[in-house]
Protein backbone atom coordinates (compact mmCIF):
# COMPACT_ATOMS: atom_id res chain seq x y z
CA UNK A 1 0.07 0.04 -0.21
CA UNK A 2 1.25 3.62 -1.14
CA UNK A 3 2.22 6.34 1.81
CA UNK A 4 -1.21 8.38 0.25
CA UNK A 5 -3.10 5.38 0.14
CA UNK A 6 -2.40 4.67 3.89
CA UNK A 7 -2.42 8.19 4.77
CA UNK A 8 -6.40 8.44 3.25
CA UNK A 9 -7.22 6.08 6.43
CA UNK A 10 -6.09 8.53 8.66
CA UNK A 11 -9.11 10.74 10.47
CA UNK A 12 -8.28 13.60 12.29
CA UNK A 13 -10.92 15.54 14.56
CA UNK A 14 -10.10 19.11 14.08
CA UNK A 15 -9.87 22.16 16.26
CA UNK A 16 -10.71 25.59 15.72
CA UNK A 17 -7.54 26.26 17.72
CA UNK A 18 -4.20 26.07 15.36
CA UNK A 19 -1.49 24.31 17.21
CA UNK A 20 1.34 25.01 14.39
CA UNK A 21 2.63 28.93 13.85
CA UNK A 22 5.40 30.44 11.98
CA UNK A 23 7.44 32.45 14.44
CA UNK A 24 8.60 34.56 11.51
CA UNK A 25 7.56 34.85 8.52
CA UNK A 26 10.54 37.04 7.39
CA UNK A 27 12.46 34.09 8.25
CA UNK A 28 10.94 31.34 5.50
CA UNK A 29 11.98 34.39 3.10
CA UNK A 30 15.14 33.77 3.75
CA UNK A 31 15.29 29.92 3.45
CA UNK A 32 16.32 28.78 0.69
CA UNK A 33 15.38 25.62 -0.14
CA UNK A 34 12.17 25.63 1.94
CA UNK A 35 12.87 21.79 3.67
CA UNK A 36 9.23 22.03 5.71
CA UNK A 37 7.42 21.77 2.49
CA UNK A 38 9.54 18.50 1.55
CA UNK A 39 9.66 16.94 4.33
CA UNK A 40 6.08 16.68 5.92
CA UNK A 41 4.52 13.28 5.26
CA UNK A 42 1.61 15.04 5.27
CA UNK A 43 1.79 17.76 2.83
CA UNK A 44 1.16 20.80 6.31
CA UNK A 45 2.85 23.00 5.08
CA UNK A 46 3.19 24.99 1.15
CA UNK A 47 4.96 28.11 0.37
CA UNK A 48 2.62 30.38 -1.76
CA UNK A 49 5.17 31.99 -4.35
CA UNK A 50 2.40 34.71 -5.31
CA UNK A 51 1.83 36.21 -1.37
CA UNK A 52 5.51 34.79 -0.76
CA UNK A 53 4.28 33.15 2.71
CA UNK A 54 4.38 29.80 3.73
CA UNK A 55 0.68 28.48 4.34
CA UNK A 56 0.24 26.17 7.28
CA UNK A 57 -2.72 23.48 6.69
CA UNK A 58 -2.92 22.04 10.08
CA UNK A 59 -5.85 20.13 10.47
CA UNK A 60 -3.95 17.61 8.25
CA UNK A 61 -0.88 17.66 10.36
CA UNK A 62 0.06 13.52 11.47
CA UNK A 63 1.56 14.97 14.58
CA UNK A 64 4.72 13.62 13.82
CA UNK A 65 6.31 16.99 15.06
CA UNK A 66 9.13 15.96 11.64
CA UNK A 67 8.59 19.99 10.77
CA UNK A 68 10.56 21.21 13.96
CA UNK A 69 13.10 19.38 13.58
CA UNK A 70 13.83 19.86 10.16
CA UNK A 71 13.49 23.41 10.07
CA UNK A 72 16.98 24.74 10.10
CA UNK A 73 15.83 27.98 11.92
CA UNK A 74 13.85 26.52 14.41
CA UNK A 75 10.96 28.76 13.26
CA UNK A 76 7.96 26.08 13.64
CA UNK A 77 6.31 26.75 16.97
CA UNK A 78 4.47 23.71 16.57
CA UNK A 79 2.76 21.16 20.12
CA UNK A 80 -0.02 18.93 20.34
CA UNK A 81 -3.32 20.13 19.10
CA UNK A 82 -5.69 20.22 22.66
CA UNK A 83 -7.13 17.13 24.29
CA UNK A 84 -9.43 14.88 22.04
CA UNK A 85 -8.39 16.97 18.60
CA UNK A 86 -5.75 16.04 16.50
CA UNK A 87 -5.41 13.00 14.20
CA UNK A 88 -7.20 9.20 15.79
CA UNK A 89 -5.40 6.27 13.92
CA UNK A 90 -7.04 3.93 12.70
CA UNK A 91 -6.06 0.46 10.77
CA UNK A 92 -2.50 0.76 11.93
């Protein structure tokens, strides 16, 4: 089974509060290769070339924390969603 097929099986209880934030948008402008847009297995981060900013789709976060480790500038403020919200693993 491919990764995208497995991700389709994951369910979320989405919170209205964002548990992921970009600390300083100016730092993302300086970042040449934007690793957060590549290393997140759920494709939560996307570079918007028109607006020159990173958009964060926190609703699909798998809560793995890869983004925190992968950002060379430590510019991602990440925490777990409030209790009862976030990813709901199903079928392993």
